[in-house]
Amino acid sequence: MAAGLEPGSAAGPDRGRAEEPVGADEGASEPPADATGAAVPCWQAKDLTEGGQLARIRLGDADYMLRITRSAKLILTK
């Protein structure tokens, strides 16, 4: 192993391993927080799409499309 690299680091042997998302623990007692400690807003995808499959999200002058797939995954495209 290269000097200074720990297993699981970006260049380590576990590089392709996906980490569990913050707040994914079903027994978590607190909502996830950002770096300042403030609670991160949380929305249901179906609320954003108003029960449909698509929602348009605007950031500055750019529009993005959020799509819920048949397999209940989210895709965000520009």
PDB file of N, CA and C in Angstrom:
ATOM      1  N   MET A   1       0.855  -1.183   0.000  1.00  0.00           N
ATOM      2  CA  MET A   1       0.000   0.000   0.000  1.00  0.00           C
ATOM      3  C   MET A   1       0.887   1.226   0.000  1.00  0.00           C
ATOM      4  N   ALA A   2       0.465   2.276  -0.710  1.00  0.00           N
ATOM      5  CA  ALA A   2       1.245   3.509  -0.789  1.00  0.00           C
ATOM      6  C   ALA A   2       1.306   4.180   0.568  1.00  0.00           C
ATOM      7  N   ALA A   3       2.417   4.877   0.804  1.00  0.00           N
ATOM      8  CA  ALA A   3       2.602   5.558   2.082  1.00  0.00           C
ATOM      9  C   ALA A   3       1.529   6.609   2.290  1.00  0.00           C
ATOM     10  N   GLY A   4       0.970   6.656   3.486  1.00  0.00           N
ATOM     11  CA  GLY A   4       0.006   7.682   3.849  1.00  0.00           C
ATOM     12  C   GLY A   4      -1.427   7.389   3.427  1.00  0.00           C
ATOM     13  N   LEU A   5      -1.659   6.260   2.733  1.00  0.00           N
ATOM     14  CA  LEU A   5      -3.018   5.939   2.311  1.00  0.00           C
ATOM     15  C   LEU A   5      -3.623   4.928   3.266  1.00  0.00           C
ATOM     16  N   GLU A   6      -4.832   5.173   3.651  1.00  0.00           N
ATOM     17  CA  GLU A   6      -5.557   4.278   4.535  1.00  0.00           C
ATOM     18  C   GLU A   6      -6.530   3.448   3.705  1.00  0.00           C
ATOM     19  N   PRO A   7      -6.839   2.227   4.145  1.00  0.00           N
ATOM     20  CA  PRO A   7      -7.868   1.462   3.437  1.00  0.00           C
ATOM     21  C   PRO A   7      -9.163   2.259   3.402  1.00  0.00           C
ATOM     22  N   GLY A   8      -9.805   2.274   2.241  1.00  0.00           N
ATOM     23  CA  GLY A   8     -11.058   3.000   2.094  1.00  0.00           C
ATOM     24  C   GLY A   8     -10.873   4.447   1.669  1.00  0.00           C
ATOM     25  N   SER A   9      -9.615   4.940   1.597  1.00  0.00           N
ATOM     26  CA  SER A   9      -9.400   6.310   1.133  1.00  0.00           C
ATOM     27  C   SER A   9      -9.628   6.350  -0.369  1.00  0.00           C
ATOM     28  N   ALA A  10      -9.635   7.544  -0.947  1.00  0.00           N
ATOM     29  CA  ALA A  10      -9.949   7.703  -2.365  1.00  0.00           C
ATOM     30  C   ALA A  10      -9.052   6.860  -3.254  1.00  0.00           C
ATOM     31  N   ALA A  11      -7.810   6.640  -2.860  1.00  0.00           N
ATOM     32  CA  ALA A  11      -6.900   5.859  -3.690  1.00  0.00           C
ATOM     33  C   ALA A  11      -6.681   4.465  -3.120  1.00  0.00           C
ATOM     34  N   GLY A  12      -7.371   4.110  -2.047  1.00  0.00           N
ATOM     35  CA  GLY A  12      -7.201   2.821  -1.385  1.00  0.00           C
ATOM     36  C   GLY A  12      -7.955   1.714  -2.100  1.00  0.00           C
ATOM     37  N   PRO A  13      -7.832   0.478  -1.615  1.00  0.00           N
ATOM     38  CA  PRO A  13      -8.427  -0.671  -2.288  1.00  0.00           C
ATOM     39  C   PRO A  13      -9.953  -0.691  -2.258  1.00  0.00           C
ATOM     40  N   ASP A  14     -10.606   0.026  -1.360  1.00  0.00           N
ATOM     41  CA  ASP A  14     -12.062   0.022  -1.269  1.00  0.00           C
ATOM     42  C   ASP A  14     -12.668   1.194  -2.034  1.00  0.00           C
ATOM     43  N   ARG A  15     -11.956   1.723  -3.003  1.00  0.00           N
ATOM     44  CA  ARG A  15     -12.335   2.949  -3.694  1.00  0.00           C
ATOM     45  C   ARG A  15     -13.738   2.910  -4.284  1.00  0.00           C
ATOM     46  N   GLY A  16     -14.165   1.793  -4.830  1.00  0.00           N
ATOM     47  CA  GLY A  16     -15.467   1.725  -5.462  1.00  0.00           C
ATOM     48  C   GLY A  16     -16.609   1.470  -4.497  1.00  0.00           C
ATOM     49  N   ARG A  17     -16.316   1.250  -3.244  1.00  0.00           N
ATOM     50  CA  ARG A  17     -17.334   0.917  -2.254  1.00  0.00           C
ATOM     51  C   ARG A  17     -18.216   2.126  -1.983  1.00  0.00           C
ATOM     52  N   ALA A  18     -19.514   1.934  -2.043  1.00  0.00           N
ATOM     53  CA  ALA A  18     -20.445   3.026  -1.742  1.00  0.00           C
ATOM     54  C   ALA A  18     -20.616   3.141  -0.240  1.00  0.00           C
ATOM     55  N   GLU A  19     -20.608   4.359   0.243  1.00  0.00           N
ATOM     56  CA  GLU A  19     -20.840   4.580   1.660  1.00  0.00           C
ATOM     57  C   GLU A  19     -22.314   4.812   1.891  1.00  0.00           C
ATOM     58  N   GLU A  20     -22.784   4.472   3.084  1.00  0.00           N
ATOM     59  CA  GLU A  20     -24.180   4.676   3.428  1.00  0.00           C
ATOM     60  C   GLU A  20     -24.453   6.163   3.549  1.00  0.00           C
ATOM     61  N   PRO A  21     -25.550   6.660   2.962  1.00  0.00           N
ATOM     62  CA  PRO A  21     -25.849   8.089   3.045  1.00  0.00           C
ATOM     63  C   PRO A  21     -26.066   8.539   4.482  1.00  0.00           C
ATOM     64  N   VAL A  22     -25.752   9.796   4.740  1.00  0.00           N
ATOM     65  CA  VAL A  22     -25.978  10.367   6.056  1.00  0.00           C
ATOM     66  C   VAL A  22     -27.462  10.301   6.342  1.00  0.00           C
ATOM     67  N   GLY A  23     -27.811   9.839   7.536  1.00  0.00           N
ATOM     68  CA  GLY A  23     -29.206   9.770   7.924  1.00  0.00           C
ATOM     69  C   GLY A  23     -29.912   8.529   7.416  1.00  0.00           C
ATOM     70  N   ALA A  24     -29.179   7.586   6.806  1.00  0.00           N
ATOM     71  CA  ALA A  24     -29.809   6.387   6.278  1.00  0.00           C
ATOM     72  C   ALA A  24     -30.163   5.396   7.379  1.00  0.00           C
ATOM     73  N   ASP A  25     -29.590   5.536   8.551  1.00  0.00           N
ATOM     74  CA  ASP A  25     -29.871   4.648   9.666  1.00  0.00           C
ATOM     75  C   ASP A  25     -31.311   4.859  10.111  1.00  0.00           C
ATOM     76  N   GLU A  26     -32.122   3.802  10.026  1.00  0.00           N
ATOM     77  CA  GLU A  26     -33.532   3.946  10.372  1.00  0.00           C
ATOM     78  C   GLU A  26     -33.728   4.316  11.830  1.00  0.00           C
ATOM     79  N   GLY A  27     -32.771   4.004  12.693  1.00  0.00           N
ATOM     80  CA  GLY A  27     -32.898   4.308  14.102  1.00  0.00           C
ATOM     81  C   GLY A  27     -32.325   5.660  14.466  1.00  0.00           C
ATOM     82  N   ALA A  28     -31.955   6.458  13.473  1.00  0.00           N
ATOM     83  CA  ALA A  28     -31.352   7.762  13.758  1.00  0.00           C
ATOM     84  C   ALA A  28     -32.353   8.636  14.504  1.00  0.00           C
ATOM     85  N   SER A  29     -31.886   9.288  15.568  1.00  0.00           N
ATOM     86  CA  SER A  29     -32.784  10.099  16.379  1.00  0.00           C
ATOM     87  C   SER A  29     -32.767  11.561  15.964  1.00  0.00           C
ATOM     88  N   GLU A  30     -31.767  11.987  15.212  1.00  0.00           N
ATOM     89  CA  GLU A  30     -31.659  13.385  14.805  1.00  0.00           C
ATOM     90  C   GLU A  30     -31.595  13.476  13.289  1.00  0.00           C
ATOM     91  N   PRO A  31     -32.206  14.525  12.709  1.00  0.00           N
ATOM     92  CA  PRO A  31     -32.078  14.702  11.258  1.00  0.00           C
ATOM     93  C   PRO A  31     -30.649  15.090  10.912  1.00  0.00           C
ATOM     94  N   PRO A  32     -30.202  14.799   9.679  1.00  0.00           N
ATOM     95  CA  PRO A  32     -28.849  15.186   9.283  1.00  0.00           C
ATOM     96  C   PRO A  32     -28.676  16.701   9.371  1.00  0.00           C
ATOM     97  N   ALA A  33     -27.443  17.129   9.606  1.00  0.00           N
ATOM     98  CA  ALA A  33     -27.142  18.555   9.710  1.00  0.00           C
ATOM     99  C   ALA A  33     -26.041  18.914   8.728  1.00  0.00           C
ATOM    100  N   ASP A  34     -25.997  20.183   8.329  1.00  0.00           N
ATOM    101  CA  ASP A  34     -24.913  20.640   7.464  1.00  0.00           C
ATOM    102  C   ASP A  34     -23.701  20.980   8.325  1.00  0.00           C
ATOM    103  N   ALA A  35     -22.665  21.532   7.707  1.00  0.00           N
ATOM    104  CA  ALA A  35     -21.410  21.812   8.412  1.00  0.00           C
ATOM    105  C   ALA A  35     -21.593  22.816   9.546  1.00  0.00           C
ATOM    106  N   THR A  36     -22.617  23.655   9.474  1.00  0.00           N
ATOM    107  CA  THR A  36     -22.838  24.641  10.535  1.00  0.00           C
ATOM    108  C   THR A  36     -23.674  24.071  11.668  1.00  0.00           C
ATOM    109  N   GLY A  37     -24.193  22.864  11.490  1.00  0.00           N
ATOM    110  CA  GLY A  37     -25.026  22.247  12.510  1.00  0.00           C
ATOM    111  C   GLY A  37     -26.509  22.477  12.285  1.00  0.00           C
ATOM    112  N   ALA A  38     -26.853  23.253  11.248  1.00  0.00           N
ATOM    113  CA  ALA A  38     -28.264  23.513  10.953  1.00  0.00           C
ATOM    114  C   ALA A  38     -28.894  22.276  10.318  1.00  0.00           C
ATOM    115  N   ALA A  39     -30.148  22.019  10.622  1.00  0.00           N
ATOM    116  CA  ALA A  39     -30.849  20.874  10.039  1.00  0.00           C
ATOM    117  C   ALA A  39     -30.957  21.054   8.526  1.00  0.00           C
ATOM    118  N   VAL A  40     -30.779  19.964   7.793  1.00  0.00           N
ATOM    119  CA  VAL A  40     -30.876  19.983   6.335  1.00  0.00           C
ATOM    120  C   VAL A  40     -32.346  19.789   5.955  1.00  0.00           C
ATOM    121  N   PRO A  41     -32.900  20.657   5.098  1.00  0.00           N
ATOM    122  CA  PRO A  41     -34.302  20.491   4.698  1.00  0.00           C
ATOM    123  C   PRO A  41     -34.526  19.142   4.023  1.00  0.00           C
ATOM    124  N   CYS A  42     -35.704  18.570   4.214  1.00  0.00           N
ATOM    125  CA  CYS A  42     -36.033  17.268   3.630  1.00  0.00           C
ATOM    126  C   CYS A  42     -37.419  17.340   2.999  1.00  0.00           C
ATOM    127  N   TRP A  43     -37.525  16.903   1.747  1.00  0.00           N
ATOM    128  CA  TRP A  43     -38.802  16.866   1.048  1.00  0.00           C
ATOM    129  C   TRP A  43     -39.026  15.467   0.518  1.00  0.00           C
ATOM    130  N   GLN A  44     -40.278  15.068   0.423  1.00  0.00           N
ATOM    131  CA  GLN A  44     -40.645  13.830  -0.248  1.00  0.00           C
ATOM    132  C   GLN A  44     -40.618  14.098  -1.751  1.00  0.00           C
ATOM    133  N   ALA A  45     -40.024  13.193  -2.518  1.00  0.00           N
ATOM    134  CA  ALA A  45     -39.938  13.381  -3.966  1.00  0.00           C
ATOM    135  C   ALA A  45     -41.327  13.531  -4.583  1.00  0.00           C
ATOM    136  N   LYS A  46     -42.296  12.777  -4.105  1.00  0.00           N
ATOM    137  CA  LYS A  46     -43.660  12.861  -4.648  1.00  0.00           C
ATOM    138  C   LYS A  46     -44.280  14.229  -4.382  1.00  0.00           C
ATOM    139  N   ASP A  47     -43.856  14.911  -3.301  1.00  0.00           N
ATOM    140  CA  ASP A  47     -44.339  16.270  -3.058  1.00  0.00           C
ATOM    141  C   ASP A  47     -43.761  17.229  -4.094  1.00  0.00           C
ATOM    142  N   LEU A  48     -42.480  17.041  -4.440  1.00  0.00           N
ATOM    143  CA  LEU A  48     -41.849  17.899  -5.446  1.00  0.00           C
ATOM    144  C   LEU A  48     -42.477  17.698  -6.822  1.00  0.00           C
ATOM    145  N   THR A  49     -42.866  16.467  -7.123  1.00  0.00           N
ATOM    146  CA  THR A  49     -43.450  16.168  -8.430  1.00  0.00           C
ATOM    147  C   THR A  49     -44.973  16.270  -8.414  1.00  0.00           C
ATOM    148  N   GLU A  50     -45.527  16.688  -7.280  1.00  0.00           N
ATOM    149  CA  GLU A  50     -46.983  16.796  -7.101  1.00  0.00           C
ATOM    150  C   GLU A  50     -47.683  15.504  -7.495  1.00  0.00           C
ATOM    151  N   GLY A  51     -47.100  14.373  -7.084  1.00  0.00           N
ATOM    152  CA  GLY A  51     -47.691  13.065  -7.340  1.00  0.00           C
ATOM    153  C   GLY A  51     -47.337  12.469  -8.685  1.00  0.00           C
ATOM    154  N   GLY A  52     -46.651  13.228  -9.535  1.00  0.00           N
ATOM    155  CA  GLY A  52     -46.275  12.735 -10.860  1.00  0.00           C
ATOM    156  C   GLY A  52     -44.885  12.115 -10.855  1.00  0.00           C
ATOM    157  N   GLN A  53     -44.251  12.142 -12.007  1.00  0.00           N
ATOM    158  CA  GLN A  53     -42.919  11.559 -12.162  1.00  0.00           C
ATOM    159  C   GLN A  53     -41.845  12.609 -12.395  1.00  0.00           C
ATOM    160  N   LEU A  54     -42.215  13.857 -12.725  1.00  0.00           N
ATOM    161  CA  LEU A  54     -41.245  14.889 -13.081  1.00  0.00           C
ATOM    162  C   LEU A  54     -41.447  16.158 -12.271  1.00  0.00           C
ATOM    163  N   ALA A  55     -40.330  16.817 -11.982  1.00  0.00           N
ATOM    164  CA  ALA A  55     -40.369  18.147 -11.371  1.00  0.00           C
ATOM    165  C   ALA A  55     -39.267  18.974 -12.004  1.00  0.00           C
ATOM    166  N   ARG A  56     -39.548  20.242 -12.236  1.00  0.00           N
ATOM    167  CA  ARG A  56     -38.523  21.155 -12.741  1.00  0.00           C
ATOM    168  C   ARG A  56     -37.974  21.917 -11.545  1.00  0.00           C
ATOM    169  N   ILE A  57     -36.650  21.946 -11.439  1.00  0.00           N
ATOM    170  CA  ILE A  57     -35.974  22.634 -10.341  1.00  0.00           C
ATOM    171  C   ILE A  57     -35.082  23.699 -10.947  1.00  0.00           C
ATOM    172  N   ARG A  58     -35.194  24.916 -10.470  1.00  0.00           N
ATOM    173  CA  ARG A  58     -34.407  26.024 -11.007  1.00  0.00           C
ATOM    174  C   ARG A  58     -33.295  26.382 -10.028  1.00  0.00           C
ATOM    175  N   LEU A  59     -32.089  26.562 -10.565  1.00  0.00           N
ATOM    176  CA  LEU A  59     -30.935  27.040  -9.803  1.00  0.00           C
ATOM    177  C   LEU A  59     -30.321  28.174 -10.609  1.00  0.00           C
ATOM    178  N   GLY A  60     -30.469  29.393 -10.114  1.00  0.00           N
ATOM    179  CA  GLY A  60     -30.011  30.553 -10.879  1.00  0.00           C
ATOM    180  C   GLY A  60     -30.801  30.649 -12.162  1.00  0.00           C
ATOM    181  N   ASP A  61     -30.105  30.665 -13.295  1.00  0.00           N
ATOM    182  CA  ASP A  61     -30.766  30.735 -14.600  1.00  0.00           C
ATOM    183  C   ASP A  61     -30.955  29.364 -15.236  1.00  0.00           C
ATOM    184  N   ALA A  62     -30.499  28.303 -14.581  1.00  0.00           N
ATOM    185  CA  ALA A  62     -30.556  26.963 -15.159  1.00  0.00           C
ATOM    186  C   ALA A  62     -31.745  26.177 -14.606  1.00  0.00           C
ATOM    187  N   ASP A  63     -32.408  25.438 -15.496  1.00  0.00           N
ATOM    188  CA  ASP A  63     -33.487  24.537 -15.102  1.00  0.00           C
ATOM    189  C   ASP A  63     -32.976  23.105 -15.137  1.00  0.00           C
ATOM    190  N   TYR A  64     -33.391  22.318 -14.169  1.00  0.00           N
ATOM    191  CA  TYR A  64     -33.044  20.906 -14.075  1.00  0.00           C
ATOM    192  C   TYR A  64     -34.333  20.112 -13.991  1.00  0.00           C
ATOM    193  N   MET A  65     -34.305  18.879 -14.478  1.00  0.00           N
ATOM    194  CA  MET A  65     -35.463  17.999 -14.383  1.00  0.00           C
ATOM    195  C   MET A  65     -35.152  16.879 -13.395  1.00  0.00           C
ATOM    196  N   LEU A  66     -36.030  16.705 -12.433  1.00  0.00           N
ATOM    197  CA  LEU A  66     -35.939  15.605 -11.480  1.00  0.00           C
ATOM    198  C   LEU A  66     -36.965  14.573 -11.911  1.00  0.00           C
ATOM    199  N   ARG A  67     -36.513  13.343 -12.137  1.00  0.00           N
ATOM    200  CA  ARG A  67     -37.412  12.290 -12.610  1.00  0.00           C
ATOM    201  C   ARG A  67     -37.375  11.119 -11.651  1.00  0.00           C
ATOM    202  N   ILE A  68     -38.549  10.588 -11.325  1.00  0.00           N
ATOM    203  CA  ILE A  68     -38.653   9.366 -10.531  1.00  0.00           C
ATOM    204  C   ILE A  68     -38.805   8.222 -11.526  1.00  0.00           C
ATOM    205  N   THR A  69     -37.905   7.241 -11.476  1.00  0.00           N
ATOM    206  CA  THR A  69     -37.941   6.120 -12.414  1.00  0.00           C
ATOM    207  C   THR A  69     -38.943   5.063 -11.954  1.00  0.00           C
ATOM    208  N   ARG A  70     -39.193   4.090 -12.827  1.00  0.00           N
ATOM    209  CA  ARG A  70     -40.087   2.978 -12.472  1.00  0.00           C
ATOM    210  C   ARG A  70     -39.554   2.175 -11.303  1.00  0.00           C
ATOM    211  N   SER A  71     -38.232   2.162 -11.141  1.00  0.00           N
ATOM    212  CA  SER A  71     -37.633   1.408 -10.031  1.00  0.00           C
ATOM    213  C   SER A  71     -37.433   2.288  -8.799  1.00  0.00           C
ATOM    214  N   ALA A  72     -38.156   3.407  -8.732  1.00  0.00           N
ATOM    215  CA  ALA A  72     -38.157   4.316  -7.569  1.00  0.00           C
ATOM    216  C   ALA A  72     -36.786   4.917  -7.283  1.00  0.00           C
ATOM    217  N   LYS A  73     -36.060   5.251  -8.347  1.00  0.00           N
ATOM    218  CA  LYS A  73     -34.784   5.952  -8.206  1.00  0.00           C
ATOM    219  C   LYS A  73     -34.970   7.362  -8.747  1.00  0.00           C
ATOM    220  N   LEU A  74     -34.078   8.269  -8.325  1.00  0.00           N
ATOM    221  CA  LEU A  74     -34.158   9.653  -8.782  1.00  0.00           C
ATOM    222  C   LEU A  74     -33.059   9.950  -9.790  1.00  0.00           C
ATOM    223  N   ILE A  75     -33.409  10.674 -10.851  1.00  0.00           N
ATOM    224  CA  ILE A  75     -32.443  11.127 -11.847  1.00  0.00           C
ATOM    225  C   ILE A  75     -32.612  12.633 -11.982  1.00  0.00           C
ATOM    226  N   LEU A  76     -31.506  13.371 -11.850  1.00  0.00           N
ATOM    227  CA  LEU A  76     -31.513  14.822 -12.012  1.00  0.00           C
ATOM    228  C   LEU A  76     -30.700  15.151 -13.254  1.00  0.00           C
ATOM    229  N   THR A  77     -31.329  15.814 -14.232  1.00  0.00           N
ATOM    230  CA  THR A  77     -30.644  16.168 -15.478  1.00  0.00           C
ATOM    231  C   THR A  77     -30.803  17.649 -15.744  1.00  0.00           C
ATOM    232  N   LYS A  78     -29.856  18.183 -16.506  1.00  0.00           N
ATOM    233  CA  LYS A  78     -29.891  19.600 -16.867  1.00  0.00           C
ATOM    234  C   LYS A  78     -30.620  19.768 -18.171  1.00  0.00           C
TER     235      LYS A  78
END
